[in-house]
Amino acid sequence: MSAVRPPAVAGMFYPADPRQLERDVRRYLADAQPQAFHPKALIAPHAGYIYSGAIAASAYATLKTIAPRIRRVVLLGPTHRVAVNGLALPDADAFDTPLGRIPLDTDAMRAIEKLPQVIVSGEAHEEEHSLEVQLPFLQSVLGEFTLLPLAVGMATAEEVAEVLEAVWGGEETLIVISSDLSHYLSYAAAQFVDNKTAQDIIKLQQPIHHEQACGGTPISGLIVAARKHHLLPHLLDLRNSGDTAGSRDRVVGYAAFAFTGEKNHVQHQ
């Protein structure tokens, strides 16, 4: 019997109405600066769309030219509500959003479940927003694709990298890391801290600590994998909630990155 994870934060982090959601995502994507990259991996933020949707769109807009060849998305994000040791797969074979149903890559899930750092936890995914908010963007940009979602708890960068290696695939596989940056600093302090974090990521320096990014663990794992596969990171967007929709007293930082292979790092047009 198939199990489907329903959306948990539709109507809170993004619109529950499919037409409104589709309009909003398309507007964010249309407003994103066009950049000529062919990413193997992306880092995108996961706050409510009014805060971070424009920054997430900066990442997803880079997929325009390669979208037809992407058949699978490996999506990693930090757990916010449930403590997890390792990386948690869901106990489902599809995820629903207001834009439709996404089948999970159950073959790959079974394959990585053998790794000691991978567990199955429906509870870890049930209310987790870090993965869910990426899905409407992926549905809007890509055609049909399968999803491999992992909620990342306490793990080492090497443990994350080992999982990525197992599902690395070729040009049909896109890796997405969901992470915000600093939390609840003043506007100026956040700019300073987030600039340093962005430079660490650009230089492929890890660990990225949790004070720097809530998804520091999956980002650090991606950095380990990127070094091995000679990927080049590019900073696409760096803003915070004070730039988008919030007060400047206590802000949350957001960034978008694309990681490309050395052969196709086309520079900004």
Protein backbone atom coordinates (compact mmCIF):
# COMPACT_ATOMS: atom_id res chain seq x y z
CA MET A 1 0.00 0.00 0.00
CA SER A 2 1.37 3.39 -0.91
CA ALA A 3 1.97 6.01 1.75
CA VAL A 4 1.89 9.70 0.87
CA ARG A 5 3.24 12.56 2.97
CA PRO A 6 0.74 15.43 2.76
CA PRO A 7 1.95 19.05 2.84
CA ALA A 8 2.45 20.29 6.41
CA VAL A 9 3.12 24.02 5.90
CA ALA A 10 0.94 24.96 2.91
CA GLY A 11 -1.00 28.06 3.90
CA MET A 12 1.78 29.07 6.31
CA PHE A 13 5.13 29.14 4.51
CA TYR A 14 3.58 29.38 1.05
CA PRO A 15 0.04 29.61 -0.40
CA ALA A 16 -2.20 26.54 -0.11
CA ASP A 17 -4.19 27.57 -3.19
CA PRO A 18 -2.54 25.92 -6.23
CA ARG A 19 -3.23 28.82 -8.60
CA GLN A 20 -1.90 31.42 -6.18
CA LEU A 21 1.14 29.24 -5.43
CA GLU A 22 1.89 28.72 -9.11
CA ARG A 23 1.56 32.46 -9.78
CA ASP A 24 3.84 33.37 -6.88
CA VAL A 25 6.57 30.87 -7.81
CA ARG A 26 6.49 31.88 -11.47
CA ARG A 27 6.79 35.54 -10.46
CA TYR A 28 9.80 34.83 -8.24
CA LEU A 29 11.44 32.85 -11.06
CA ALA A 30 10.69 35.55 -13.65
CA ASP A 31 12.24 38.22 -11.39
CA ALA A 32 15.43 36.20 -10.76
CA GLN A 33 18.58 37.42 -12.51
CA PRO A 34 19.33 35.08 -15.44
CA GLN A 35 22.67 33.33 -14.91
CA ALA A 36 24.20 30.83 -17.31
CA PHE A 37 25.11 27.86 -15.13
CA HIS A 38 24.62 24.12 -15.43
CA PRO A 39 24.43 23.14 -11.75
CA LYS A 40 25.01 19.69 -10.31
CA ALA A 41 23.98 21.01 -6.88
CA LEU A 42 22.15 24.00 -5.40
CA ILE A 43 21.87 25.55 -1.96
CA ALA A 44 18.55 27.37 -1.41
CA PRO A 45 16.82 28.87 1.65
CA HIS A 46 13.63 27.52 3.24
CA ALA A 47 11.80 30.33 5.04
CA GLY A 48 8.32 31.57 4.20
CA TYR A 49 8.20 32.65 0.58
CA ILE A 50 7.64 36.33 1.39
CA TYR A 51 11.00 36.26 3.16
CA SER A 52 13.16 33.92 1.09
CA GLY A 53 11.22 32.99 -2.06
CA ALA A 54 13.10 35.50 -4.21
CA ILE A 55 16.47 34.15 -3.04
CA ALA A 56 15.41 30.53 -3.61
CA ALA A 57 14.29 31.52 -7.10
CA SER A 58 17.82 32.77 -7.82
CA ALA A 59 18.97 29.16 -7.40
CA TYR A 60 16.13 27.46 -9.27
CA ALA A 61 16.23 29.86 -12.22
CA THR A 62 19.68 28.44 -13.11
CA LEU A 63 18.03 25.11 -14.01
CA LYS A 64 16.19 26.50 -17.02
CA THR A 65 18.47 25.11 -19.72
CA ILE A 66 19.17 21.74 -18.04
CA ALA A 67 15.68 21.05 -16.64
CA PRO A 68 14.75 18.57 -19.42
CA ARG A 69 17.56 16.20 -18.44
CA ILE A 70 16.94 16.20 -14.66
CA ARG A 71 15.03 13.07 -13.67
CA ARG A 72 15.83 12.84 -9.96
CA VAL A 73 16.32 15.34 -7.15
CA VAL A 74 18.27 14.41 -4.02
CA LEU A 75 17.02 16.87 -1.39
CA LEU A 76 18.68 17.33 2.01
CA GLY A 77 17.57 19.70 4.74
CA PRO A 78 18.05 20.04 8.50
CA THR A 79 15.52 18.75 11.01
CA HIS A 80 13.79 21.52 12.99
CA ARG A 81 11.26 19.64 15.15
CA VAL A 82 12.49 16.09 15.71
CA ALA A 83 15.95 15.11 16.94
CA VAL A 84 17.54 12.61 14.56
CA ASN A 85 20.79 10.70 14.72
CA GLY A 86 22.03 10.48 11.15
CA LEU A 87 19.98 11.10 8.01
CA ALA A 88 16.29 10.17 7.97
CA LEU A 89 14.34 8.83 5.02
CA PRO A 90 10.54 9.14 5.15
CA ASP A 91 8.23 6.13 5.46
CA ALA A 92 6.39 7.21 2.31
CA ASP A 93 6.67 6.65 -1.41
CA ALA A 94 5.28 10.02 -2.53
CA PHE A 95 5.12 13.63 -1.31
CA ASP A 96 2.10 15.83 -2.06
CA THR A 97 2.07 19.60 -2.50
CA PRO A 98 -0.76 21.87 -3.71
CA LEU A 99 0.84 21.53 -7.18
CA GLY A 100 0.54 17.74 -7.27
CA ARG A 101 2.18 14.47 -6.25
CA ILE A 102 5.93 13.75 -6.47
CA PRO A 103 6.94 10.07 -6.53
CA LEU A 104 9.92 9.13 -4.37
CA ASP A 105 12.91 7.18 -5.70
CA THR A 106 12.14 4.08 -3.66
CA ASP A 107 14.94 2.03 -5.28
CA ALA A 108 17.56 4.56 -4.18
CA MET A 109 15.92 4.80 -0.75
CA ARG A 110 16.26 1.05 -0.28
CA ALA A 111 19.87 1.16 -1.49
CA ILE A 112 21.04 3.85 0.95
CA GLU A 113 18.98 2.46 3.83
CA LYS A 114 21.78 -0.11 4.20
CA LEU A 115 24.21 2.65 5.25
CA PRO A 116 24.60 2.80 9.05
CA GLN A 117 23.96 6.57 9.22
CA VAL A 118 20.63 6.31 7.34
CA ILE A 119 17.39 5.62 9.23
CA VAL A 120 13.69 5.67 8.33
CA SER A 121 11.55 8.11 10.31
CA GLY A 122 8.12 9.28 9.26
CA GLU A 123 8.09 11.50 12.33
CA ALA A 124 11.20 13.41 11.20
CA HIS A 125 9.45 14.31 7.93
CA GLU A 126 5.88 14.76 9.11
CA GLU A 127 6.07 18.46 10.00
CA GLU A 128 9.50 19.34 8.56
CA HIS A 129 9.37 22.47 6.38
CA SER A 130 12.99 22.63 5.19
CA LEU A 131 12.35 20.06 2.44
CA GLU A 132 8.72 20.87 1.71
CA VAL A 133 9.19 24.52 0.77
CA GLN A 134 11.63 23.54 -2.02
CA LEU A 135 9.11 21.28 -3.74
CA PRO A 136 6.83 23.85 -5.46
CA PHE A 137 9.93 25.46 -7.01
CA LEU A 138 11.14 22.08 -8.27
CA GLN A 139 7.68 21.25 -9.61
CA SER A 140 7.52 24.60 -11.41
CA VAL A 141 10.96 24.32 -13.02
CA LEU A 142 11.32 20.61 -13.79
CA GLY A 143 9.19 18.17 -15.74
CA GLU A 144 8.57 14.75 -14.25
CA PHE A 145 11.11 13.76 -11.61
CA THR A 146 11.50 11.47 -8.63
CA LEU A 147 12.55 12.75 -5.21
CA LEU A 148 14.99 11.37 -2.65
CA PRO A 149 14.30 13.40 0.54
CA LEU A 150 16.59 13.22 3.57
CA ALA A 151 16.06 15.04 6.86
CA VAL A 152 19.53 15.55 8.31
CA GLY A 153 20.11 15.44 12.05
CA MET A 154 23.30 14.77 13.98
CA ALA A 155 25.85 13.52 11.47
CA THR A 156 29.36 14.25 10.27
CA ALA A 157 30.16 15.93 6.97
CA GLU A 158 31.75 12.65 5.87
CA GLU A 159 28.58 10.69 6.66
CA VAL A 160 26.53 13.11 4.57
CA ALA A 161 29.09 12.97 1.75
CA GLU A 162 28.97 9.16 1.77
CA VAL A 163 25.21 9.24 1.21
CA LEU A 164 25.59 11.82 -1.57
CA GLU A 165 28.24 9.64 -3.21
CA ALA A 166 25.88 6.65 -3.21
CA VAL A 167 23.23 8.58 -5.18
CA TRP A 168 25.48 10.99 -7.11
CA GLY A 169 24.41 9.71 -10.52
CA GLY A 170 25.04 11.67 -13.71
CA GLU A 171 23.40 14.71 -15.28
CA GLU A 172 19.96 13.20 -14.54
CA THR A 173 20.52 13.77 -10.79
CA LEU A 174 20.32 17.20 -9.12
CA ILE A 175 21.35 17.68 -5.50
CA VAL A 176 19.60 20.40 -3.47
CA ILE A 177 20.66 21.46 0.02
CA SER A 178 18.06 23.44 1.95
CA SER A 179 19.47 25.95 4.44
CA ASP A 180 19.03 29.43 5.82
CA LEU A 181 22.05 31.33 7.18
CA SER A 182 22.35 33.29 10.44
CA HIS A 183 19.30 33.66 12.69
CA TYR A 184 18.03 36.69 14.63
CA LEU A 185 21.05 38.96 14.46
CA SER A 186 20.84 42.69 13.77
CA TYR A 187 20.90 43.61 10.08
CA ALA A 188 24.54 44.73 10.10
CA ALA A 189 25.73 41.77 12.17
CA ALA A 190 23.89 39.34 9.89
CA GLN A 191 25.48 40.88 6.80
CA PHE A 192 28.92 40.46 8.34
CA VAL A 193 28.37 36.85 9.48
CA ASP A 194 26.59 35.77 6.29
CA ASN A 195 29.30 37.28 4.08
CA LYS A 196 31.89 35.21 5.91
CA THR A 197 29.77 32.06 5.60
CA ALA A 198 29.31 32.69 1.88
CA GLN A 199 33.08 33.03 1.49
CA ASP A 200 33.65 29.78 3.40
CA ILE A 201 31.27 27.98 1.04
CA ILE A 202 32.84 29.57 -2.06
CA LYS A 203 36.27 28.43 -0.83
CA LEU A 204 34.87 24.93 -0.05
CA GLN A 205 35.89 25.31 3.59
CA GLN A 206 34.01 23.23 6.14
CA PRO A 207 32.71 22.69 8.74
CA ILE A 208 29.90 25.20 8.31
CA HIS A 209 28.64 25.60 11.89
CA HIS A 210 24.99 25.71 12.87
CA GLU A 211 25.28 29.32 14.04
CA GLN A 212 26.30 30.13 10.46
CA ALA A 213 23.61 28.04 8.75
CA CYS A 214 20.85 25.79 10.14
CA GLY A 215 21.71 23.37 7.31
CA GLY A 216 25.41 23.49 8.20
CA THR A 217 25.69 19.70 8.34
CA PRO A 218 24.31 18.96 4.85
CA ILE A 219 26.22 21.96 3.44
CA SER A 220 29.45 20.61 4.96
CA GLY A 221 28.70 17.21 3.43
CA LEU A 222 28.16 18.81 0.03
CA ILE A 223 31.49 20.66 0.39
CA VAL A 224 33.29 17.33 1.03
CA ALA A 225 31.61 15.84 -2.06
CA ALA A 226 32.25 18.96 -4.15
CA ARG A 227 35.96 18.78 -3.42
CA LYS A 228 36.05 15.14 -4.52
CA HIS A 229 34.11 15.81 -7.73
CA HIS A 230 35.89 19.11 -8.52
CA LEU A 231 32.73 21.20 -8.40
CA LEU A 232 32.94 24.98 -8.35
CA PRO A 233 30.56 26.96 -6.11
CA HIS A 234 29.04 30.24 -7.32
CA LEU A 235 27.22 32.71 -5.06
CA LEU A 236 23.99 33.69 -6.83
CA ASP A 237 22.20 35.74 -4.18
CA LEU A 238 22.82 36.87 -0.59
CA ARG A 239 20.17 38.78 1.31
CA ASN A 240 18.27 38.64 4.58
CA SER A 241 14.73 39.12 5.83
CA GLY A 242 15.46 42.81 6.40
CA ASP A 243 15.91 43.14 2.64
CA THR A 244 12.72 41.30 1.74
CA ALA A 245 9.80 41.46 4.16
CA GLY A 246 10.89 41.87 7.76
CA SER A 247 12.19 44.35 10.29
CA ARG A 248 15.92 45.04 10.39
CA ASP A 249 16.19 44.54 14.15
CA ARG A 250 16.42 40.73 14.09
CA VAL A 251 16.90 39.14 10.71
CA VAL A 252 17.46 35.73 9.14
CA GLY A 253 20.05 35.37 6.39
CA TYR A 254 19.46 33.66 3.04
CA ALA A 255 21.77 32.69 0.20
CA ALA A 256 21.58 30.83 -3.09
CA PHE A 257 24.53 28.91 -4.53
CA ALA A 258 25.08 26.83 -7.65
CA PHE A 259 27.78 24.15 -7.80
CA THR A 260 28.96 23.37 -11.32
CA GLY A 261 31.41 20.97 -12.91
CA GLU A 262 34.69 22.53 -14.02
CA LYS A 263 33.86 21.98 -17.69
CA ASN A 264 30.71 24.07 -17.72
CA HIS A 265 31.20 26.95 -15.31
CA VAL A 266 29.89 29.54 -17.76
CA GLN A 267 30.35 32.92 -16.16
CA HIS A 268 27.62 35.53 -15.76
CA GLN A 269 26.34 36.71 -19.11
